[in-house]
Amino acid sequence: MADTPQEQLNGFVQAINDLHIATVRDEDARAASEAAANLHSGSGYLDAPMEVLEAFSRAIEIGYAAALQDVRQGKFDTDIAEWRPELLERE
């Protein structure tokens, strides 16, 4: 028997919540939440069930937090030097 649309939605929401718990560290939660709020409000995607809107925001938070972790691990050090050379200039 196939899942109902509500069961599929519940599974999607649960998967996002699980990934959020595994990815968004406490020290990144506020920055990720603010970034998600800014992106979400600018998306125009506001006419959906609340659980979908919350999952959408959490998904944005996951991506933002994962990017912060990559930056902390130095994965973009070379790129950052190119993007922001003034950060490396000495006075």
PDB file of N, CA and C in Angstrom:
ATOM      1  N   MET A   1       0.840  -1.178   0.000  1.00  0.00           N
ATOM      2  CA  MET A   1       0.000   0.000   0.000  1.00  0.00           C
ATOM      3  C   MET A   1       0.886   1.242   0.000  1.00  0.00           C
ATOM      4  N   ALA A   2       0.573   2.201  -0.841  1.00  0.00           N
ATOM      5  CA  ALA A   2       1.362   3.429  -0.961  1.00  0.00           C
ATOM      6  C   ALA A   2       1.035   4.386   0.173  1.00  0.00           C
ATOM      7  N   ASP A   3       2.050   5.171   0.529  1.00  0.00           N
ATOM      8  CA  ASP A   3       1.835   6.197   1.549  1.00  0.00           C
ATOM      9  C   ASP A   3       0.854   7.248   1.038  1.00  0.00           C
ATOM     10  N   THR A   4       0.093   7.789   1.964  1.00  0.00           N
ATOM     11  CA  THR A   4      -0.793   8.895   1.613  1.00  0.00           C
ATOM     12  C   THR A   4       0.043  10.164   1.489  1.00  0.00           C
ATOM     13  N   PRO A   5      -0.503  11.183   0.821  1.00  0.00           N
ATOM     14  CA  PRO A   5       0.238  12.445   0.758  1.00  0.00           C
ATOM     15  C   PRO A   5       0.613  12.979   2.153  1.00  0.00           C
ATOM     16  N   GLN A   6      -0.258  12.817   3.128  1.00  0.00           N
ATOM     17  CA  GLN A   6       0.053  13.294   4.486  1.00  0.00           C
ATOM     18  C   GLN A   6       1.198  12.489   5.096  1.00  0.00           C
ATOM     19  N   GLU A   7       1.210  11.181   4.860  1.00  0.00           N
ATOM     20  CA  GLU A   7       2.314  10.362   5.364  1.00  0.00           C
ATOM     21  C   GLU A   7       3.622  10.735   4.680  1.00  0.00           C
ATOM     22  N   GLN A   8       3.563  11.038   3.394  1.00  0.00           N
ATOM     23  CA  GLN A   8       4.758  11.480   2.677  1.00  0.00           C
ATOM     24  C   GLN A   8       5.248  12.815   3.232  1.00  0.00           C
ATOM     25  N   LEU A   9       4.324  13.729   3.488  1.00  0.00           N
ATOM     26  CA  LEU A   9       4.682  15.024   4.062  1.00  0.00           C
ATOM     27  C   LEU A   9       5.291  14.841   5.447  1.00  0.00           C
ATOM     28  N   ASN A  10       4.691  13.989   6.248  1.00  0.00           N
ATOM     29  CA  ASN A  10       5.226  13.735   7.585  1.00  0.00           C
ATOM     30  C   ASN A  10       6.642  13.167   7.515  1.00  0.00           C
ATOM     31  N   GLY A  11       6.885  12.270   6.575  1.00  0.00           N
ATOM     32  CA  GLY A  11       8.216  11.703   6.397  1.00  0.00           C
ATOM     33  C   GLY A  11       9.223  12.758   5.966  1.00  0.00           C
ATOM     34  N   PHE A  12       8.807  13.632   5.077  1.00  0.00           N
ATOM     35  CA  PHE A  12       9.657  14.728   4.622  1.00  0.00           C
ATOM     36  C   PHE A  12      10.002  15.651   5.789  1.00  0.00           C
ATOM     37  N   VAL A  13       9.018  16.046   6.546  1.00  0.00           N
ATOM     38  CA  VAL A  13       9.231  16.934   7.697  1.00  0.00           C
ATOM     39  C   VAL A  13      10.148  16.263   8.715  1.00  0.00           C
ATOM     40  N   GLN A  14       9.948  14.987   8.969  1.00  0.00           N
ATOM     41  CA  GLN A  14      10.796  14.266   9.926  1.00  0.00           C
ATOM     42  C   GLN A  14      12.237  14.184   9.435  1.00  0.00           C
ATOM     43  N   ALA A  15      12.414  13.934   8.150  1.00  0.00           N
ATOM     44  CA  ALA A  15      13.768  13.867   7.590  1.00  0.00           C
ATOM     45  C   ALA A  15      14.478  15.213   7.729  1.00  0.00           C
ATOM     46  N   ILE A  16      13.780  16.299   7.445  1.00  0.00           N
ATOM     47  CA  ILE A  16      14.360  17.644   7.601  1.00  0.00           C
ATOM     48  C   ILE A  16      14.701  17.889   9.062  1.00  0.00           C
ATOM     49  N   ASN A  17      13.803  17.538   9.969  1.00  0.00           N
ATOM     50  CA  ASN A  17      14.065  17.740  11.403  1.00  0.00           C
ATOM     51  C   ASN A  17      15.277  16.935  11.867  1.00  0.00           C
ATOM     52  N   ASP A  18      15.385  15.695  11.413  1.00  0.00           N
ATOM     53  CA  ASP A  18      16.528  14.861  11.799  1.00  0.00           C
ATOM     54  C   ASP A  18      17.841  15.439  11.278  1.00  0.00           C
ATOM     55  N   LEU A  19      17.828  15.883  10.033  1.00  0.00           N
ATOM     56  CA  LEU A  19      19.028  16.476   9.446  1.00  0.00           C
ATOM     57  C   LEU A  19      19.386  17.786  10.148  1.00  0.00           C
ATOM     58  N   HIS A  20      18.381  18.550  10.537  1.00  0.00           N
ATOM     59  CA  HIS A  20      18.598  19.804  11.262  1.00  0.00           C
ATOM     60  C   HIS A  20      19.294  19.524  12.595  1.00  0.00           C
ATOM     61  N   ILE A  21      18.827  18.545  13.313  1.00  0.00           N
ATOM     62  CA  ILE A  21      19.435  18.174  14.600  1.00  0.00           C
ATOM     63  C   ILE A  21      20.892  17.754  14.395  1.00  0.00           C
ATOM     64  N   ALA A  22      21.153  17.032  13.328  1.00  0.00           N
ATOM     65  CA  ALA A  22      22.503  16.524  13.072  1.00  0.00           C
ATOM     66  C   ALA A  22      23.453  17.593  12.534  1.00  0.00           C
ATOM     67  N   THR A  23      22.927  18.675  11.977  1.00  0.00           N
ATOM     68  CA  THR A  23      23.762  19.635  11.269  1.00  0.00           C
ATOM     69  C   THR A  23      23.914  20.979  11.976  1.00  0.00           C
ATOM     70  N   VAL A  24      22.834  21.515  12.527  1.00  0.00           N
ATOM     71  CA  VAL A  24      22.861  22.874  13.073  1.00  0.00           C
ATOM     72  C   VAL A  24      23.342  22.840  14.517  1.00  0.00           C
ATOM     73  N   ARG A  25      24.582  23.294  14.709  1.00  0.00           N
ATOM     74  CA  ARG A  25      25.164  23.326  16.048  1.00  0.00           C
ATOM     75  C   ARG A  25      24.630  24.535  16.812  1.00  0.00           C
ATOM     76  N   ASP A  26      24.644  24.444  18.144  1.00  0.00           N
ATOM     77  CA  ASP A  26      24.110  25.521  18.970  1.00  0.00           C
ATOM     78  C   ASP A  26      24.725  26.873  18.627  1.00  0.00           C
ATOM     79  N   GLU A  27      26.041  26.905  18.423  1.00  0.00           N
ATOM     80  CA  GLU A  27      26.706  28.177  18.162  1.00  0.00           C
ATOM     81  C   GLU A  27      26.346  28.768  16.793  1.00  0.00           C
ATOM     82  N   ASP A  28      25.769  27.966  15.920  1.00  0.00           N
ATOM     83  CA  ASP A  28      25.370  28.440  14.595  1.00  0.00           C
ATOM     84  C   ASP A  28      23.871  28.676  14.466  1.00  0.00           C
ATOM     85  N   ALA A  29      23.110  28.283  15.468  1.00  0.00           N
ATOM     86  CA  ALA A  29      21.655  28.291  15.362  1.00  0.00           C
ATOM     87  C   ALA A  29      21.095  29.686  15.096  1.00  0.00           C
ATOM     88  N   ARG A  30      21.587  30.687  15.809  1.00  0.00           N
ATOM     89  CA  ARG A  30      21.037  32.032  15.638  1.00  0.00           C
ATOM     90  C   ARG A  30      21.340  32.577  14.244  1.00  0.00           C
ATOM     91  N   ALA A  31      22.591  32.469  13.803  1.00  0.00           N
ATOM     92  CA  ALA A  31      22.960  32.961  12.477  1.00  0.00           C
ATOM     93  C   ALA A  31      22.182  32.219  11.391  1.00  0.00           C
ATOM     94  N   ALA A  32      22.035  30.910  11.553  1.00  0.00           N
ATOM     95  CA  ALA A  32      21.301  30.121  10.563  1.00  0.00           C
ATOM     96  C   ALA A  32      19.827  30.512  10.538  1.00  0.00           C
ATOM     97  N   SER A  33      19.258  30.749  11.700  1.00  0.00           N
ATOM     98  CA  SER A  33      17.859  31.155  11.791  1.00  0.00           C
ATOM     99  C   SER A  33      17.636  32.517  11.146  1.00  0.00           C
ATOM    100  N   GLU A  34      18.540  33.458  11.399  1.00  0.00           N
ATOM    101  CA  GLU A  34      18.417  34.790  10.799  1.00  0.00           C
ATOM    102  C   GLU A  34      18.556  34.726   9.280  1.00  0.00           C
ATOM    103  N   ALA A  35      19.512  33.940   8.805  1.00  0.00           N
ATOM    104  CA  ALA A  35      19.696  33.796   7.364  1.00  0.00           C
ATOM    105  C   ALA A  35      18.452  33.172   6.726  1.00  0.00           C
ATOM    106  N   ALA A  36      17.912  32.156   7.375  1.00  0.00           N
ATOM    107  CA  ALA A  36      16.717  31.502   6.844  1.00  0.00           C
ATOM    108  C   ALA A  36      15.540  32.468   6.814  1.00  0.00           C
ATOM    109  N   ALA A  37      15.377  33.246   7.865  1.00  0.00           N
ATOM    110  CA  ALA A  37      14.275  34.206   7.909  1.00  0.00           C
ATOM    111  C   ALA A  37      14.397  35.212   6.772  1.00  0.00           C
ATOM    112  N   ASN A  38      15.613  35.701   6.533  1.00  0.00           N
ATOM    113  CA  ASN A  38      15.814  36.671   5.454  1.00  0.00           C
ATOM    114  C   ASN A  38      15.522  36.059   4.092  1.00  0.00           C
ATOM    115  N   LEU A  39      16.056  34.865   3.850  1.00  0.00           N
ATOM    116  CA  LEU A  39      15.829  34.214   2.559  1.00  0.00           C
ATOM    117  C   LEU A  39      14.372  33.805   2.380  1.00  0.00           C
ATOM    118  N   HIS A  40      13.799  33.284   3.431  1.00  0.00           N
ATOM    119  CA  HIS A  40      12.421  32.816   3.350  1.00  0.00           C
ATOM    120  C   HIS A  40      11.468  33.979   3.093  1.00  0.00           C
ATOM    121  N   SER A  41      11.632  35.076   3.818  1.00  0.00           N
ATOM    122  CA  SER A  41      10.720  36.206   3.644  1.00  0.00           C
ATOM    123  C   SER A  41      10.862  36.808   2.250  1.00  0.00           C
ATOM    124  N   GLY A  42      12.058  36.754   1.692  1.00  0.00           N
ATOM    125  CA  GLY A  42      12.269  37.280   0.352  1.00  0.00           C
ATOM    126  C   GLY A  42      11.848  36.339  -0.756  1.00  0.00           C
ATOM    127  N   SER A  43      11.536  35.100  -0.416  1.00  0.00           N
ATOM    128  CA  SER A  43      11.204  34.114  -1.442  1.00  0.00           C
ATOM    129  C   SER A  43       9.794  34.255  -1.983  1.00  0.00           C
ATOM    130  N   GLY A  44       8.925  34.866  -1.199  1.00  0.00           N
ATOM    131  CA  GLY A  44       7.531  34.951  -1.600  1.00  0.00           C
ATOM    132  C   GLY A  44       6.772  33.658  -1.384  1.00  0.00           C
ATOM    133  N   TYR A  45       7.446  32.660  -0.860  1.00  0.00           N
ATOM    134  CA  TYR A  45       6.827  31.353  -0.631  1.00  0.00           C
ATOM    135  C   TYR A  45       6.235  31.339   0.777  1.00  0.00           C
ATOM    136  N   LEU A  46       5.038  31.909   0.905  1.00  0.00           N
ATOM    137  CA  LEU A  46       4.431  32.046   2.224  1.00  0.00           C
ATOM    138  C   LEU A  46       3.044  31.416   2.312  1.00  0.00           C
ATOM    139  N   ASP A  47       2.514  30.976   1.189  1.00  0.00           N
ATOM    140  CA  ASP A  47       1.159  30.409   1.167  1.00  0.00           C
ATOM    141  C   ASP A  47       1.203  28.893   1.127  1.00  0.00           C
ATOM    142  N   ALA A  48       1.633  28.317   2.220  1.00  0.00           N
ATOM    143  CA  ALA A  48       1.704  26.860   2.325  1.00  0.00           C
ATOM    144  C   ALA A  48       1.342  26.485   3.762  1.00  0.00           C
ATOM    145  N   PRO A  49       1.055  25.224   3.995  1.00  0.00           N
ATOM    146  CA  PRO A  49       0.782  24.799   5.380  1.00  0.00           C
ATOM    147  C   PRO A  49       1.982  25.113   6.282  1.00  0.00           C
ATOM    148  N   MET A  50       1.706  25.428   7.514  1.00  0.00           N
ATOM    149  CA  MET A  50       2.741  25.823   8.458  1.00  0.00           C
ATOM    150  C   MET A  50       3.859  24.792   8.560  1.00  0.00           C
ATOM    151  N   GLU A  51       3.539  23.514   8.560  1.00  0.00           N
ATOM    152  CA  GLU A  51       4.589  22.501   8.677  1.00  0.00           C
ATOM    153  C   GLU A  51       5.518  22.516   7.468  1.00  0.00           C
ATOM    154  N   VAL A  52       5.004  22.872   6.307  1.00  0.00           N
ATOM    155  CA  VAL A  52       5.837  22.990   5.108  1.00  0.00           C
ATOM    156  C   VAL A  52       6.726  24.223   5.215  1.00  0.00           C
ATOM    157  N   LEU A  53       6.162  25.341   5.668  1.00  0.00           N
ATOM    158  CA  LEU A  53       6.949  26.568   5.833  1.00  0.00           C
ATOM    159  C   LEU A  53       8.071  26.373   6.850  1.00  0.00           C
ATOM    160  N   GLU A  54       7.766  25.693   7.938  1.00  0.00           N
ATOM    161  CA  GLU A  54       8.795  25.424   8.954  1.00  0.00           C
ATOM    162  C   GLU A  54       9.885  24.518   8.392  1.00  0.00           C
ATOM    163  N   ALA A  55       9.496  23.496   7.650  1.00  0.00           N
ATOM    164  CA  ALA A  55      10.482  22.597   7.038  1.00  0.00           C
ATOM    165  C   ALA A  55      11.333  23.354   6.024  1.00  0.00           C
ATOM    166  N   PHE A  56      10.729  24.256   5.279  1.00  0.00           N
ATOM    167  CA  PHE A  56      11.450  25.070   4.309  1.00  0.00           C
ATOM    168  C   PHE A  56      12.509  25.916   5.026  1.00  0.00           C
ATOM    169  N   SER A  57      12.134  26.554   6.109  1.00  0.00           N
ATOM    170  CA  SER A  57      13.090  27.358   6.884  1.00  0.00           C
ATOM    171  C   SER A  57      14.191  26.496   7.482  1.00  0.00           C
ATOM    172  N   ARG A  58      13.840  25.349   8.011  1.00  0.00           N
ATOM    173  CA  ARG A  58      14.843  24.445   8.582  1.00  0.00           C
ATOM    174  C   ARG A  58      15.813  23.960   7.514  1.00  0.00           C
ATOM    175  N   ALA A  59      15.315  23.714   6.319  1.00  0.00           N
ATOM    176  CA  ALA A  59      16.192  23.278   5.231  1.00  0.00           C
ATOM    177  C   ALA A  59      17.202  24.372   4.887  1.00  0.00           C
ATOM    178  N   ILE A  60      16.757  25.628   4.873  1.00  0.00           N
ATOM    179  CA  ILE A  60      17.679  26.732   4.639  1.00  0.00           C
ATOM    180  C   ILE A  60      18.714  26.791   5.763  1.00  0.00           C
ATOM    181  N   GLU A  61      18.262  26.631   7.006  1.00  0.00           N
ATOM    182  CA  GLU A  61      19.184  26.644   8.148  1.00  0.00           C
ATOM    183  C   GLU A  61      20.235  25.549   8.019  1.00  0.00           C
ATOM    184  N   ILE A  62      19.826  24.386   7.560  1.00  0.00           N
ATOM    185  CA  ILE A  62      20.760  23.266   7.387  1.00  0.00           C
ATOM    186  C   ILE A  62      21.861  23.653   6.403  1.00  0.00           C
ATOM    187  N   GLY A  63      21.484  24.209   5.275  1.00  0.00           N
ATOM    188  CA  GLY A  63      22.469  24.609   4.279  1.00  0.00           C
ATOM    189  C   GLY A  63      23.408  25.681   4.798  1.00  0.00           C
ATOM    190  N   TYR A  64      22.868  26.657   5.507  1.00  0.00           N
ATOM    191  CA  TYR A  64      23.688  27.736   6.045  1.00  0.00           C
ATOM    192  C   TYR A  64      24.668  27.190   7.087  1.00  0.00           C
ATOM    193  N   ALA A  65      24.176  26.354   7.980  1.00  0.00           N
ATOM    194  CA  ALA A  65      25.037  25.783   9.020  1.00  0.00           C
ATOM    195  C   ALA A  65      26.111  24.882   8.423  1.00  0.00           C
ATOM    196  N   ALA A  66      25.761  24.125   7.402  1.00  0.00           N
ATOM    197  CA  ALA A  66      26.758  23.272   6.745  1.00  0.00           C
ATOM    198  C   ALA A  66      27.842  24.127   6.094  1.00  0.00           C
ATOM    199  N   ALA A  67      27.454  25.246   5.494  1.00  0.00           N
ATOM    200  CA  ALA A  67      28.439  26.149   4.898  1.00  0.00           C
ATOM    201  C   ALA A  67      29.347  26.749   5.969  1.00  0.00           C
ATOM    202  N   LEU A  68      28.783  27.133   7.109  1.00  0.00           N
ATOM    203  CA  LEU A  68      29.607  27.658   8.201  1.00  0.00           C
ATOM    204  C   LEU A  68      30.622  26.616   8.658  1.00  0.00           C
ATOM    205  N   GLN A  69      30.202  25.373   8.754  1.00  0.00           N
ATOM    206  CA  GLN A  69      31.124  24.312   9.154  1.00  0.00           C
ATOM    207  C   GLN A  69      32.253  24.151   8.136  1.00  0.00           C
ATOM    208  N   ASP A  70      31.929  24.240   6.857  1.00  0.00           N
ATOM    209  CA  ASP A  70      32.953  24.144   5.818  1.00  0.00           C
ATOM    210  C   ASP A  70      33.953  25.290   5.932  1.00  0.00           C
ATOM    211  N   VAL A  71      33.460  26.485   6.201  1.00  0.00           N
ATOM    212  CA  VAL A  71      34.358  27.634   6.365  1.00  0.00           C
ATOM    213  C   VAL A  71      35.268  27.412   7.566  1.00  0.00           C
ATOM    214  N   ARG A  72      34.700  26.966   8.674  1.00  0.00           N
ATOM    215  CA  ARG A  72      35.506  26.716   9.872  1.00  0.00           C
ATOM    216  C   ARG A  72      36.582  25.657   9.635  1.00  0.00           C
ATOM    217  N   GLN A  73      36.281  24.695   8.798  1.00  0.00           N
ATOM    218  CA  GLN A  73      37.240  23.620   8.504  1.00  0.00           C
ATOM    219  C   GLN A  73      38.262  24.022   7.449  1.00  0.00           C
ATOM    220  N   GLY A  74      38.163  25.250   6.957  1.00  0.00           N
ATOM    221  CA  GLY A  74      39.138  25.750   5.998  1.00  0.00           C
ATOM    222  C   GLY A  74      38.913  25.341   4.558  1.00  0.00           C
ATOM    223  N   LYS A  75      37.762  24.802   4.256  1.00  0.00           N
ATOM    224  CA  LYS A  75      37.512  24.310   2.907  1.00  0.00           C
ATOM    225  C   LYS A  75      37.464  25.421   1.852  1.00  0.00           C
ATOM    226  N   PHE A  76      37.314  26.661   2.291  1.00  0.00           N
ATOM    227  CA  PHE A  76      37.230  27.776   1.359  1.00  0.00           C
ATOM    228  C   PHE A  76      38.329  28.803   1.566  1.00  0.00           C
ATOM    229  N   ASP A  77      39.389  28.444   2.268  1.00  0.00           N
ATOM    230  CA  ASP A  77      40.440  29.409   2.570  1.00  0.00           C
ATOM    231  C   ASP A  77      41.002  30.058   1.315  1.00  0.00           C
ATOM    232  N   THR A  78      41.296  29.274   0.298  1.00  0.00           N
ATOM    233  CA  THR A  78      41.832  29.823  -0.942  1.00  0.00           C
ATOM    234  C   THR A  78      40.802  30.721  -1.618  1.00  0.00           C
ATOM    235  N   ASP A  79      39.566  30.285  -1.630  1.00  0.00           N
ATOM    236  CA  ASP A  79      38.508  31.080  -2.259  1.00  0.00           C
ATOM    237  C   ASP A  79      38.285  32.389  -1.506  1.00  0.00           C
ATOM    238  N   ILE A  80      38.310  32.330  -0.195  1.00  0.00           N
ATOM    239  CA  ILE A  80      38.094  33.544   0.599  1.00  0.00           C
ATOM    240  C   ILE A  80      39.184  34.563   0.304  1.00  0.00           C
ATOM    241  N   ALA A  81      40.409  34.109   0.153  1.00  0.00           N
ATOM    242  CA  ALA A  81      41.501  35.019  -0.185  1.00  0.00           C
ATOM    243  C   ALA A  81      41.237  35.713  -1.521  1.00  0.00           C
ATOM    244  N   GLU A  82      40.610  35.015  -2.451  1.00  0.00           N
ATOM    245  CA  GLU A  82      40.269  35.615  -3.744  1.00  0.00           C
ATOM    246  C   GLU A  82      39.059  36.533  -3.629  1.00  0.00           C
ATOM    247  N   TRP A  83      38.062  36.099  -2.855  1.00  0.00           N
ATOM    248  CA  TRP A  83      36.840  36.880  -2.713  1.00  0.00           C
ATOM    249  C   TRP A  83      37.067  38.160  -1.910  1.00  0.00           C
ATOM    250  N   ARG A  84      37.903  38.036  -0.876  1.00  0.00           N
ATOM    251  CA  ARG A  84      38.110  39.151   0.065  1.00  0.00           C
ATOM    252  C   ARG A  84      39.598  39.383   0.304  1.00  0.00           C
ATOM    253  N   PRO A  85      40.334  39.819  -0.704  1.00  0.00           N
ATOM    254  CA  PRO A  85      41.797  39.992  -0.547  1.00  0.00           C
ATOM    255  C   PRO A  85      42.157  40.990   0.548  1.00  0.00           C
ATOM    256  N   GLU A  86      41.273  41.935   0.819  1.00  0.00           N
ATOM    257  CA  GLU A  86      41.570  42.931   1.873  1.00  0.00           C
ATOM    258  C   GLU A  86      41.706  42.294   3.256  1.00  0.00           C
ATOM    259  N   LEU A  87      41.158  41.117   3.433  1.00  0.00           N
ATOM    260  CA  LEU A  87      41.302  40.440   4.722  1.00  0.00           C
ATOM    261  C   LEU A  87      42.729  39.993   4.973  1.00  0.00           C
ATOM    262  N   LEU A  88      43.490  39.809   3.918  1.00  0.00           N
ATOM    263  CA  LEU A  88      44.861  39.305   4.042  1.00  0.00           C
ATOM    264  C   LEU A  88      45.910  40.403   3.870  1.00  0.00           C
ATOM    265  N   GLU A  89      45.450  41.586   3.501  1.00  0.00           N
ATOM    266  CA  GLU A  89      46.412  42.679   3.328  1.00  0.00           C
ATOM    267  C   GLU A  89      46.936  43.133   4.684  1.00  0.00           C
ATOM    268  N   ARG A  90      48.214  43.425   4.719  1.00  0.00           N
ATOM    269  CA  ARG A  90      48.832  43.904   5.950  1.00  0.00           C
ATOM    270  C   ARG A  90      48.933  45.420   5.886  1.00  0.00           C
ATOM    271  N   GLU A  91      48.764  45.997   7.038  1.00  0.00           N
ATOM    272  CA  GLU A  91      48.844  47.466   7.104  1.00  0.00           C
ATOM    273  C   GLU A  91      50.277  47.929   7.135  1.00  0.00           C
TER     274      GLU A  91
END
